[in-house]
């Protein structure tokens, strides 16, 4: 069946189509020069030995079947033979033809299209380079964003850890401050109890001395009584005695009376000293600190905050049990 300018349509061959397309248009992004493709020739040999020219002016160094339409019963045989001849066409001849045609221009419909193809190739290369630069910038920007995001995540984690450590440091500082305050309170309490012990010891020593004085006074009274009894017995034995004995007895009585008065005064003074300095009725049994004066009873100590002796402010008090 004829088509176009009346040239016969042969059997479809993918290899021949690919070769013709490659000969007309260079492959995409090819590094080969434009003149390295095979040059189109005006005359091609055929299997029947007939030489023909293409109506469009473009022909290739490939076998082309005769224009005559074969008979129907020979159509399949001729198509098979044509395909076999195309497949058996040596590649070395194509390579030699491409080398021979190197440096020649390409023509389509009688016009030179080499410049247009080169311009299109340059435009494609420019478009690809721009696209690659855009992709590279996008990848670089994405990498920077990822790096910033990772740094932000790391910074947030480090800030969280630092915040927790600061909270632990604050807790330890508060605990240390509380322990220091507790130690200071215990030290003050220890000092107070030490002062109380020293005061109690001083009070005990004073009471011991008073007791020794009382015992000594009691012994003195006993001695005076014994002496008086002896004097009375001696007077009775001597038959009434003389004036001198009466004088001695009178002096002894005065001395005894004076001694008793002194003892009573001392006892009264001691009782007065041991009484509360505020009410004067109850016995003093509360030791005030830090002045260490034993001068108040339990009732007055609960309502009085100053020492009645030295008028100093008392911050603590201790009850003393006296014998």
Protein backbone atom coordinates (compact mmCIF):
# COMPACT_ATOMS: atom_id res chain seq x y z
CA UNK A 1 0.00 0.00 0.00
CA UNK A 2 1.45 3.38 -0.99
CA UNK A 3 1.66 6.36 1.39
CA UNK A 4 2.95 9.94 1.17
CA UNK A 5 4.80 10.32 -2.11
CA UNK A 6 3.88 6.86 -3.18
CA UNK A 7 6.72 5.02 -1.48
CA UNK A 8 5.81 1.48 -0.40
CA UNK A 9 5.23 0.74 3.32
CA UNK A 10 7.39 -2.19 4.35
CA UNK A 11 7.03 -4.45 7.38
CA UNK A 12 7.43 -2.63 10.73
CA UNK A 13 10.83 -3.09 12.29
CA UNK A 14 11.62 -1.61 15.74
CA UNK A 15 15.36 -1.72 15.11
CA UNK A 16 15.12 0.16 11.83
CA UNK A 17 12.84 2.79 13.40
CA UNK A 18 15.25 3.31 16.30
CA UNK A 19 18.22 3.64 13.94
CA UNK A 20 16.41 6.13 11.75
CA UNK A 21 15.27 8.20 14.76
CA UNK A 22 18.78 8.22 16.19
CA UNK A 23 20.15 9.27 12.84
CA UNK A 24 17.71 12.17 12.56
CA UNK A 25 17.66 13.42 16.21
CA UNK A 26 20.58 12.96 18.63
CA UNK A 27 19.91 11.19 21.94
CA UNK A 28 18.96 13.30 24.97
CA UNK A 29 21.89 14.82 26.83
CA UNK A 30 24.36 13.12 24.54
CA UNK A 31 28.00 14.07 24.78
CA UNK A 32 28.74 13.16 21.17
CA UNK A 33 29.15 16.03 18.72
CA UNK A 34 26.36 16.73 16.30
CA UNK A 35 28.54 15.77 13.32
CA UNK A 36 29.22 12.26 14.67
CA UNK A 37 25.84 10.91 13.49
CA UNK A 38 25.71 9.11 10.11
CA UNK A 39 25.19 11.33 7.11
CA UNK A 40 22.16 10.88 4.93
CA UNK A 41 22.94 9.77 1.38
CA UNK A 42 20.92 10.23 -1.71
CA UNK A 43 21.21 6.71 -3.10
CA UNK A 44 20.68 3.38 -1.27
CA UNK A 45 21.20 -0.09 -2.67
CA UNK A 46 18.25 -2.46 -2.60
CA UNK A 47 17.94 -6.16 -2.69
CA UNK A 48 16.81 -5.98 -6.31
CA UNK A 49 19.70 -3.79 -7.37
CA UNK A 50 17.45 -0.79 -8.16
CA UNK A 51 18.81 2.61 -7.20
CA UNK A 52 16.23 5.17 -5.98
CA UNK A 53 16.08 8.62 -4.39
CA UNK A 54 13.83 9.61 -1.51
CA UNK A 55 11.08 12.05 -2.29
CA UNK A 56 11.95 14.14 0.78
CA UNK A 57 15.62 14.33 -0.01
CA UNK A 58 16.67 12.36 3.13
CA UNK A 59 17.88 8.82 2.78
CA UNK A 60 19.94 6.49 4.94
CA UNK A 61 22.50 3.80 4.34
CA UNK A 62 19.97 1.10 5.08
CA UNK A 63 18.46 -1.48 2.71
CA UNK A 64 15.03 -0.45 1.41
CA UNK A 65 12.73 -2.86 -0.41
CA UNK A 66 11.57 -2.20 -3.99
CA UNK A 67 8.76 0.19 -4.66
CA UNK A 68 6.85 -2.38 -6.61
CA UNK A 69 4.01 -3.98 -4.73
CA UNK A 70 4.65 -7.71 -4.34
CA UNK A 71 2.02 -10.22 -4.96
CA UNK A 72 -0.21 -11.34 -2.15
CA UNK A 73 1.12 -14.88 -2.01
CA UNK A 74 4.73 -13.55 -1.96
CA UNK A 75 4.13 -10.73 0.58
CA UNK A 76 4.98 -12.70 3.67
CA UNK A 77 8.12 -14.17 2.10
CA UNK A 78 9.44 -10.79 0.95
CA UNK A 79 8.79 -9.17 4.38
CA UNK A 80 10.70 -11.93 6.11
CA UNK A 81 13.62 -11.65 3.71
CA UNK A 82 13.71 -7.87 4.16
CA UNK A 83 13.77 -8.22 7.96
CA UNK A 84 16.55 -10.78 7.73
CA UNK A 85 18.60 -8.54 5.48
CA UNK A 86 18.14 -5.61 7.91
CA UNK A 87 19.15 -7.69 10.91
CA UNK A 88 22.15 -9.11 9.06
CA UNK A 89 23.34 -5.66 8.08
CA UNK A 90 26.81 -5.35 9.67
CA UNK A 91 27.21 -2.83 12.47
CA UNK A 92 30.78 -2.19 11.39
CA UNK A 93 29.49 -0.74 8.13
CA UNK A 94 27.19 1.62 10.07
CA UNK A 95 30.12 2.69 12.22
CA UNK A 96 32.29 3.28 9.15
CA UNK A 97 29.55 5.28 7.48
CA UNK A 98 29.14 7.41 10.63
CA UNK A 99 32.87 8.11 10.65
CA UNK A 100 32.81 9.02 6.97
CA UNK A 101 29.87 11.35 7.43
CA UNK A 102 31.39 13.08 10.52
CA UNK A 103 31.57 16.83 10.11
CA UNK A 104 28.57 17.06 7.78
CA UNK A 105 25.35 18.89 8.47
CA UNK A 106 21.87 17.40 8.86
CA UNK A 107 19.16 18.27 6.34
CA UNK A 108 15.42 17.92 6.65
CA UNK A 109 13.16 18.90 3.73
CA UNK A 110 16.11 20.56 2.12
CA UNK A 111 16.93 22.76 5.16
CA UNK A 112 19.92 22.62 7.48
CA UNK A 113 18.63 21.80 11.00
CA UNK A 114 21.99 21.32 12.73
CA UNK A 115 21.96 24.81 14.25
CA UNK A 116 18.41 24.36 15.52
CA UNK A 117 19.26 21.01 17.07
CA UNK A 118 22.35 22.49 18.71
CA UNK A 119 20.30 25.41 20.03
CA UNK A 120 17.70 23.01 21.41
CA UNK A 121 20.46 20.95 22.99
CA UNK A 122 21.92 24.07 24.60
CA UNK A 123 18.47 25.11 25.86
CA UNK A 124 17.94 21.67 27.32
CA UNK A 125 21.35 21.74 28.99
CA UNK A 126 20.59 25.19 30.43
CA UNK A 127 17.18 24.03 31.68
CA UNK A 128 18.70 20.94 33.24
CA UNK A 129 21.49 22.93 34.89
CA UNK A 130 18.96 25.42 36.29
CA UNK A 131 16.80 22.59 37.55
CA UNK A 132 19.82 20.88 39.12
CA UNK A 133 20.86 24.14 40.78
CA UNK A 134 17.32 24.59 42.11
CA UNK A 135 17.25 21.02 43.41
CA UNK A 136 20.69 21.49 44.97
CA UNK A 137 19.56 24.67 46.73
CA UNK A 138 16.38 22.98 47.95
CA UNK A 139 18.38 20.02 49.26
CA UNK A 140 20.84 22.40 50.94
CA UNK A 141 18.00 24.38 52.51
CA UNK A 142 16.32 21.19 53.68
CA UNK A 143 19.61 19.98 55.14
CA UNK A 144 20.01 23.30 56.98
CA UNK A 145 16.44 23.09 58.30
CA UNK A 146 17.04 19.54 59.50
CA UNK A 147 20.29 20.61 61.15
CA UNK A 148 18.52 23.53 62.87
CA UNK A 149 15.71 21.24 64.00
CA UNK A 150 18.20 18.73 65.40
CA UNK A 151 20.07 21.53 67.18
CA UNK A 152 16.79 22.84 68.62
CA UNK A 153 15.88 19.37 69.87
CA UNK A 154 19.33 18.97 71.43
CA UNK A 155 19.11 22.45 72.96
CA UNK A 156 15.66 21.71 74.43
CA UNK A 157 16.97 18.44 75.90
CA UNK A 158 20.03 20.14 77.37
CA UNK A 159 17.90 22.97 78.82
CA UNK A 160 15.61 20.38 80.40
CA UNK A 161 18.58 18.56 81.92
CA UNK A 162 20.12 21.85 83.15
CA UNK A 163 16.78 22.92 84.63
CA UNK A 164 16.45 19.62 86.50
CA UNK A 165 20.03 19.93 87.77
CA UNK A 166 19.37 23.50 88.92
CA UNK A 167 16.26 22.33 90.76
CA UNK A 168 18.31 19.59 92.44
CA UNK A 169 20.95 22.17 93.41
CA UNK A 170 18.25 24.42 94.89
CA UNK A 171 16.77 21.49 96.83
CA UNK A 172 20.20 20.54 98.15
CA UNK A 173 20.87 24.17 99.09
CA UNK A 174 17.57 24.38 101.01
CA UNK A 175 18.29 21.07 102.72
CA UNK A 176 21.80 22.27 103.62
CA UNK A 177 20.38 25.52 105.00
CA UNK A 178 17.82 23.60 107.08
CA UNK A 179 20.55 21.32 108.41
CA UNK A 180 22.71 24.32 109.30
CA UNK A 181 19.78 25.91 111.13
CA UNK A 182 19.15 22.64 112.95
CA UNK A 183 22.82 22.41 113.94
CA UNK A 184 22.74 26.00 115.22
CA UNK A 185 19.59 25.30 117.23
CA UNK A 186 21.14 22.16 118.69
CA UNK A 187 24.30 24.08 119.54
CA UNK A 188 22.28 26.77 121.30
CA UNK A 189 20.24 24.15 123.12
CA UNK A 190 23.41 22.34 124.11
CA UNK A 191 24.87 25.59 125.44
CA UNK A 192 21.67 26.28 127.38
CA UNK A 193 21.70 22.85 128.96
CA UNK A 194 25.39 23.27 129.78
CA UNK A 195 24.61 26.57 131.48
CA UNK A 196 21.73 24.93 133.33
CA UNK A 197 24.01 22.14 134.50
CA UNK A 198 26.60 24.64 135.69
CA UNK A 199 23.88 26.63 137.48
CA UNK A 200 22.50 23.52 139.10
CA UNK A 201 25.97 22.55 140.17
CA UNK A 202 26.53 26.01 141.69
CA UNK A 203 23.15 25.81 143.44
CA UNK A 204 23.96 22.37 144.76
CA UNK A 205 27.29 23.61 146.08
CA UNK A 206 25.59 26.57 147.76
CA UNK A 207 23.00 24.28 149.32
CA UNK A 208 25.74 21.95 150.48
CA UNK A 209 27.53 24.84 152.16
CA UNK A 210 24.31 25.98 153.79
CA UNK A 211 23.66 22.47 155.03
CA UNK A 212 27.16 22.26 156.46
CA UNK A 213 26.61 25.58 158.22
CA UNK A 214 23.29 24.39 159.63
CA UNK A 215 24.85 21.16 160.84
CA UNK A 216 27.70 23.10 162.41
CA UNK A 217 25.22 25.41 164.11
CA UNK A 218 23.29 22.43 165.39
CA UNK A 219 26.46 20.95 166.83
CA UNK A 220 27.23 24.30 168.46
CA UNK A 221 23.79 24.38 170.05
CA UNK A 222 24.23 20.87 171.31
CA UNK A 223 27.61 21.80 172.79
CA UNK A 224 26.13 24.87 174.52
CA UNK A 225 23.34 22.78 176.00
CA UNK A 226 25.83 20.24 177.30
CA UNK A 227 27.96 23.00 178.81
CA UNK A 228 24.93 24.52 180.50
CA UNK A 229 23.95 21.18 181.93
CA UNK A 230 27.45 20.66 183.24
CA UNK A 231 27.46 24.15 184.78
CA UNK A 232 24.09 23.51 186.40
CA UNK A 233 25.27 20.21 187.82
CA UNK A 234 28.43 21.81 189.15
CA UNK A 235 26.39 24.55 190.79
CA UNK A 236 24.12 22.03 192.40
CA UNK A 237 27.06 20.03 193.65
CA UNK A 238 28.81 23.15 195.04
CA UNK A 239 25.94 24.11 197.40
CA UNK A 240 24.45 27.18 195.71
CA UNK A 241 27.76 28.65 194.29
CA UNK A 242 28.99 32.13 194.67
CA UNK A 243 28.50 35.44 192.92
CA UNK A 244 31.07 34.61 190.29
CA UNK A 245 29.18 31.53 189.25
CA UNK A 246 26.00 33.54 188.93
CA UNK A 247 27.78 36.04 186.74
CA UNK A 248 29.12 33.26 184.57
CA UNK A 249 25.70 31.75 184.29
CA UNK A 250 24.22 35.12 183.38
CA UNK A 251 26.84 35.69 180.70
CA UNK A 252 26.23 32.22 179.31
CA UNK A 253 22.51 32.86 179.09
CA UNK A 254 23.05 36.17 177.33
CA UNK A 255 25.45 34.53 174.93
CA UNK A 256 23.02 31.71 174.26
CA UNK A 257 20.14 34.12 173.74
CA UNK A 258 22.24 36.19 171.37
CA UNK A 259 23.32 33.11 169.48
CA UNK A 260 19.72 31.97 169.12
CA UNK A 261 18.67 35.38 167.87
CA UNK A 262 21.45 35.37 165.31
CA UNK A 263 20.46 31.89 164.18
CA UNK A 264 16.84 32.95 163.84
CA UNK A 265 17.85 36.00 161.85
CA UNK A 266 20.01 33.87 159.58
CA UNK A 267 17.19 31.41 159.05
CA UNK A 268 14.77 34.22 158.32
CA UNK A 269 17.23 35.80 155.90
CA UNK A 270 17.78 32.46 154.22
CA UNK A 271 14.05 31.88 153.94
CA UNK A 272 13.64 35.40 152.60
CA UNK A 273 16.30 34.76 149.97
CA UNK A 274 14.64 31.52 148.93
CA UNK A 275 11.24 33.17 148.50
CA UNK A 276 9.94 34.49 145.15
CA UNK A 277 11.19 37.99 144.45
CA UNK A 278 7.87 39.00 142.90
CA UNK A 279 5.15 37.67 145.19
CA UNK A 280 7.33 36.94 148.27
CA UNK A 281 5.14 34.01 149.29
CA UNK A 282 6.20 30.91 147.41
CA UNK A 283 9.65 29.37 147.34
CA UNK A 284 11.85 30.24 144.36
CA UNK A 285 12.19 27.17 142.15
CA UNK A 286 12.63 28.58 138.61
CA UNK A 287 16.08 29.38 137.22
CA UNK A 288 16.07 32.20 134.65
CA UNK A 289 18.40 32.15 131.63
CA UNK A 290 20.76 33.62 130.64
CA UNK A 291 21.19 35.61 133.88
CA UNK A 292 21.05 32.38 136.02
CA UNK A 293 19.07 33.89 138.89
CA UNK A 294 16.93 31.54 140.99
CA UNK A 295 14.35 34.10 142.03
CA UNK A 296 10.83 33.21 140.84
CA UNK A 297 8.15 30.66 141.57
CA UNK A 298 6.37 28.68 138.89
CA UNK A 299 3.30 30.97 138.91
CA UNK A 300 5.25 34.20 138.53
CA UNK A 301 7.71 32.73 135.99
CA UNK A 302 4.87 31.99 133.57
CA UNK A 303 3.79 35.65 133.45
CA UNK A 304 7.08 37.51 133.92
CA UNK A 305 9.60 37.91 131.10
CA UNK A 306 12.24 40.00 132.91
CA UNK A 307 14.48 39.05 135.79
CA UNK A 308 13.40 40.96 138.97
CA UNK A 309 17.01 41.09 140.20
CA UNK A 310 18.98 42.32 137.15
CA UNK A 311 15.98 43.33 135.00
CA UNK A 312 17.37 41.42 131.98
CA UNK A 313 15.16 39.70 129.41
CA UNK A 314 14.95 35.98 129.94
CA UNK A 315 14.67 33.70 126.89
CA UNK A 316 14.40 30.41 128.79
CA UNK A 317 13.68 29.07 132.25
CA UNK A 318 14.41 25.83 134.08
CA UNK A 319 12.57 24.47 137.10
CA UNK A 320 14.88 23.38 139.93
CA UNK A 321 13.77 20.84 142.53
CA UNK A 322 15.45 21.69 145.83
CA UNK A 323 15.74 19.18 148.70
